[in-house]
């Protein structure tokens, strides 16, 4: 099947627009990139190794977890398990975007997913709920976030001691507030509100009683179950 036969075509102008759109939140990503760069150096990684990890992995929480387990002898299987647990939410994020992703050629589809993050997924998912298809934010916004993460890592490797504790400046709350704003600004209906309530309750319970990082996946699955059994009626 040729590329032209796929109904969704990425628009370069819109990709550039979404790149600029996510630049403000990307500034806060720089701070955490700097914290990661410093943590990596303190754990014994070479500057080039830290930069390569950020360039190829591009997963903040997972990189911090991997560095925390780093040492003279690395337990590979526990490391893989922890990273998978933290990043497993991407399985659900990707699934939620599938109605749009399936309309892209495979090469573009998987290329776009390499830049999937919580922030650009939230924007795309919110707009999809409102009837707008926007995969350009995954690509353009993801590039902005990746670039910010790389700049932050570079700063952390060489100047990280200037920002050893980004939480003290409150920047750790920025992404959470951004995602909450996306959720509150999205489509509202009894079905969606119930799904959010169930997801929140399940996530809190998992946070208190289950292993670390599992609350994200548990909450998403619980909300998804509500959506699965409470289908919206299609307009006649």
Protein backbone atom coordinates (compact mmCIF):
# COMPACT_ATOMS: atom_id res chain seq x y z
CA UNK A 1 0.00 0.00 0.00
CA UNK A 2 1.46 3.40 -0.93
CA UNK A 3 1.89 6.29 1.48
CA UNK A 4 -0.74 8.30 -0.41
CA UNK A 5 -3.39 5.66 0.35
CA UNK A 6 -3.22 6.35 4.08
CA UNK A 7 -5.87 8.91 5.09
CA UNK A 8 -3.75 10.81 7.65
CA UNK A 9 -0.94 12.96 6.28
CA UNK A 10 1.39 14.76 8.69
CA UNK A 11 1.50 18.48 7.91
CA UNK A 12 5.00 20.01 8.22
CA UNK A 13 3.62 23.47 8.98
CA UNK A 14 1.52 22.09 11.83
CA UNK A 15 4.50 20.08 13.15
CA UNK A 16 6.47 23.34 13.39
CA UNK A 17 3.52 25.04 15.09
CA UNK A 18 3.24 22.27 17.70
CA UNK A 19 7.00 22.45 18.29
CA UNK A 20 6.62 26.11 19.25
CA UNK A 21 3.44 25.40 21.22
CA UNK A 22 5.19 23.03 23.62
CA UNK A 23 8.33 25.11 24.05
CA UNK A 24 7.08 26.78 27.29
CA UNK A 25 6.65 23.49 29.14
CA UNK A 26 9.90 22.23 27.61
CA UNK A 27 11.75 24.86 29.61
CA UNK A 28 10.86 23.00 32.79
CA UNK A 29 12.06 19.73 31.26
CA UNK A 30 15.52 21.32 31.05
CA UNK A 31 15.66 21.48 34.86
CA UNK A 32 15.00 17.76 35.23
CA UNK A 33 17.42 16.96 32.45
CA UNK A 34 20.05 18.84 34.42
CA UNK A 35 19.19 16.86 37.54
CA UNK A 36 19.54 13.62 35.58
CA UNK A 37 22.88 14.67 34.10
CA UNK A 38 24.23 15.41 37.56
CA UNK A 39 22.88 12.14 39.00
CA UNK A 40 24.43 10.17 36.14
CA UNK A 41 27.86 11.73 36.67
CA UNK A 42 27.66 11.15 40.41
CA UNK A 43 26.90 7.47 39.75
CA UNK A 44 30.03 7.11 37.64
CA UNK A 45 28.72 7.42 34.08
CA UNK A 46 30.88 9.26 31.60
CA UNK A 47 29.42 12.48 30.11
CA UNK A 48 29.07 10.83 26.70
CA UNK A 49 27.27 7.85 28.24
CA UNK A 50 24.77 10.12 30.00
CA UNK A 51 24.12 12.07 26.80
CA UNK A 52 23.68 8.89 24.75
CA UNK A 53 21.22 7.52 27.29
CA UNK A 54 19.12 10.68 27.11
CA UNK A 55 19.29 10.76 23.32
CA UNK A 56 18.24 7.15 22.79
CA UNK A 57 16.10 6.30 25.83
CA UNK A 58 14.33 9.67 26.35
CA UNK A 59 12.39 8.55 29.41
CA UNK A 60 12.98 10.69 32.47
CA UNK A 61 11.65 8.53 35.30
CA UNK A 62 13.11 5.36 33.80
CA UNK A 63 16.51 6.96 33.38
CA UNK A 64 16.55 8.10 37.00
CA UNK A 65 15.58 4.59 38.10
CA UNK A 66 18.29 3.03 35.92
CA UNK A 67 20.94 5.39 37.24
CA UNK A 68 19.83 4.72 40.81
CA UNK A 69 20.47 0.99 40.25
CA UNK A 70 23.77 1.63 38.49
CA UNK A 71 27.02 0.37 39.98
CA UNK A 72 30.10 -1.72 39.43
CA UNK A 73 27.78 -4.70 38.95
CA UNK A 74 24.40 -4.06 37.37
CA UNK A 75 21.54 -6.52 37.94
CA UNK A 76 20.13 -6.55 34.43
CA UNK A 77 16.85 -8.39 35.00
CA UNK A 78 15.68 -6.22 37.94
CA UNK A 79 16.72 -3.17 35.94
CA UNK A 80 14.62 -4.31 32.97
CA UNK A 81 11.65 -5.05 35.24
CA UNK A 82 11.75 -1.63 36.89
CA UNK A 83 12.09 0.24 33.60
CA UNK A 84 9.25 -1.78 32.05
CA UNK A 85 7.00 -1.10 35.05
CA UNK A 86 7.63 2.64 34.84
CA UNK A 87 7.18 2.83 31.07
CA UNK A 88 4.29 0.39 30.78
CA UNK A 89 1.89 3.34 30.74
CA UNK A 90 3.07 3.92 27.17
CA UNK A 91 1.26 0.74 26.17
CA UNK A 92 -2.00 2.38 27.16
CA UNK A 93 -1.07 5.77 25.76
CA UNK A 94 -0.21 4.23 22.40
CA UNK A 95 -3.43 2.22 22.41
CA UNK A 96 -5.49 5.36 23.03
CA UNK A 97 -3.91 6.98 19.96
CA UNK A 98 -4.37 3.92 17.74
CA UNK A 99 -7.48 5.23 15.93
CA UNK A 100 -5.22 7.98 14.53
CA UNK A 101 -1.96 6.05 14.34
CA UNK A 102 -3.46 3.32 12.15
CA UNK A 103 -4.03 5.94 9.46
CA UNK A 104 -0.29 6.63 9.16
CA UNK A 105 2.20 4.54 7.17
CA UNK A 106 4.07 2.15 9.51
CA UNK A 107 7.37 4.02 9.17
CA UNK A 108 5.79 7.30 10.26
CA UNK A 109 3.65 5.60 12.88
CA UNK A 110 6.56 4.09 14.80
CA UNK A 111 8.76 7.13 14.23
CA UNK A 112 6.15 9.35 15.86
CA UNK A 113 5.86 6.98 18.83
CA UNK A 114 9.55 7.35 19.57
CA UNK A 115 8.75 10.90 20.73
CA UNK A 116 5.64 10.04 22.76
CA UNK A 117 5.64 11.59 26.24
CA UNK A 118 3.02 12.34 28.87
CA UNK A 119 2.79 15.98 27.81
CA UNK A 120 2.29 15.67 24.06
CA UNK A 121 0.05 12.62 24.51
CA UNK A 122 -2.22 14.65 26.84
CA UNK A 123 -2.62 17.38 24.22
CA UNK A 124 -3.32 14.92 21.42
CA UNK A 125 -5.75 12.84 23.49
CA UNK A 126 -7.66 15.93 24.65
CA UNK A 127 -8.05 17.22 21.11
CA UNK A 128 -9.14 13.77 19.88
CA UNK A 129 -11.93 13.80 22.47
CA UNK A 130 -13.07 17.10 20.95
CA UNK A 131 -13.13 15.62 17.46
CA UNK A 132 -9.77 16.94 16.25
CA UNK A 133 -6.96 14.67 15.07
CA UNK A 134 -3.53 15.94 16.02
CA UNK A 135 -0.53 13.64 15.68
CA UNK A 136 1.62 16.62 14.75
CA UNK A 137 1.83 17.50 18.45
CA UNK A 138 3.37 14.09 19.14
CA UNK A 139 6.06 14.76 16.55
CA UNK A 140 6.60 18.51 16.85
CA UNK A 141 5.97 18.74 20.59
CA UNK A 142 8.02 15.59 21.16
CA UNK A 143 10.97 17.12 19.32
CA UNK A 144 10.75 20.20 21.54
CA UNK A 145 10.68 18.05 24.67
CA UNK A 146 13.52 15.83 23.44
CA UNK A 147 15.67 18.84 22.64
CA UNK A 148 14.98 20.31 26.08
CA UNK A 149 15.86 16.98 27.73
CA UNK A 150 19.14 16.86 25.83
CA UNK A 151 20.03 20.46 26.69
CA UNK A 152 19.20 19.76 30.33
CA UNK A 153 21.31 16.61 30.39
CA UNK A 154 24.23 18.50 28.86
CA UNK A 155 23.89 21.25 31.45
CA UNK A 156 23.64 18.71 34.25
CA UNK A 157 26.75 16.87 33.11
CA UNK A 158 28.88 20.01 33.19
CA UNK A 159 27.01 22.52 35.38
CA UNK A 160 24.61 20.32 37.37
CA UNK A 161 25.80 21.39 40.78
CA UNK A 162 24.01 24.70 40.17
CA UNK A 163 20.66 22.85 40.27
CA UNK A 164 20.97 19.81 42.50
CA UNK A 165 17.38 19.89 43.75
CA UNK A 166 14.83 21.08 41.15
CA UNK A 167 12.00 20.07 43.52
CA UNK A 168 13.05 22.90 45.82
CA UNK A 169 12.00 25.32 43.06
CA UNK A 170 8.65 23.60 42.54
CA UNK A 171 9.37 22.57 38.96
CA UNK A 172 8.44 18.98 39.79
CA UNK A 173 4.80 20.11 39.93
CA UNK A 174 4.73 21.72 36.49
CA UNK A 175 4.04 18.61 34.42
CA UNK A 176 1.43 17.35 36.89
CA UNK A 177 -0.41 20.67 36.75
CA UNK A 178 -0.17 20.67 32.95
CA UNK A 179 -1.69 17.18 32.71
CA UNK A 180 -4.43 18.13 35.17
CA UNK A 181 -5.25 21.19 33.07
CA UNK A 182 -5.51 18.96 29.98
CA UNK A 183 -7.86 16.61 31.79
CA UNK A 184 -10.08 19.39 33.13
CA UNK A 185 -10.16 21.10 29.76
CA UNK A 186 -11.26 18.01 27.89
CA UNK A 187 -14.70 16.67 27.06
CA UNK A 188 -16.97 16.15 30.08
CA UNK A 189 -19.82 13.69 30.37
CA UNK A 190 -21.10 11.34 33.11
CA UNK A 191 -19.19 8.48 31.46
CA UNK A 192 -15.88 10.37 31.45
CA UNK A 193 -16.34 11.76 34.97
CA UNK A 194 -17.05 8.28 36.35
CA UNK A 195 -14.01 6.90 34.51
CA UNK A 196 -11.81 9.63 36.01
CA UNK A 197 -13.20 8.98 39.52
CA UNK A 198 -12.64 5.22 39.26
CA UNK A 199 -9.14 5.74 37.82
CA UNK A 200 -8.25 8.16 40.64
CA UNK A 201 -9.51 5.82 43.36
CA UNK A 202 -7.72 2.81 41.89
CA UNK A 203 -4.52 4.78 41.41
CA UNK A 204 -4.52 5.99 45.02
CA UNK A 205 -5.15 2.48 46.31
CA UNK A 206 -2.29 1.13 44.18
CA UNK A 207 -0.01 3.94 45.34
CA UNK A 208 -0.62 3.00 48.95
CA UNK A 209 -0.61 -0.79 48.72
CA UNK A 210 1.22 -1.91 45.54
CA UNK A 211 4.86 -1.66 44.41
CA UNK A 212 6.20 1.73 43.26
CA UNK A 213 5.12 3.11 39.88
CA UNK A 214 2.32 0.58 39.41
CA UNK A 215 -0.35 3.13 40.38
CA UNK A 216 -0.15 4.81 36.95
CA UNK A 217 -0.96 1.63 35.07
CA UNK A 218 -3.57 0.45 37.59
CA UNK A 219 -5.41 3.77 37.43
CA UNK A 220 -5.36 3.80 33.63
CA UNK A 221 -6.65 0.22 33.40
CA UNK A 222 -9.42 0.89 35.92
CA UNK A 223 -10.60 3.93 33.98
CA UNK A 224 -10.33 1.97 30.75
CA UNK A 225 -12.57 -0.77 32.12
CA UNK A 226 -15.27 1.82 32.76
CA UNK A 227 -14.94 3.02 29.19
CA UNK A 228 -15.06 -0.54 27.88
CA UNK A 229 -18.32 -1.46 29.60
CA UNK A 230 -19.94 1.96 29.36
CA UNK A 231 -19.89 2.70 25.65
CA UNK A 232 -21.14 5.98 24.27
CA UNK A 233 -24.15 5.76 22.02
CA UNK A 234 -23.29 6.50 18.42
CA UNK A 235 -25.41 9.19 16.77
CA UNK A 236 -28.03 7.72 14.47
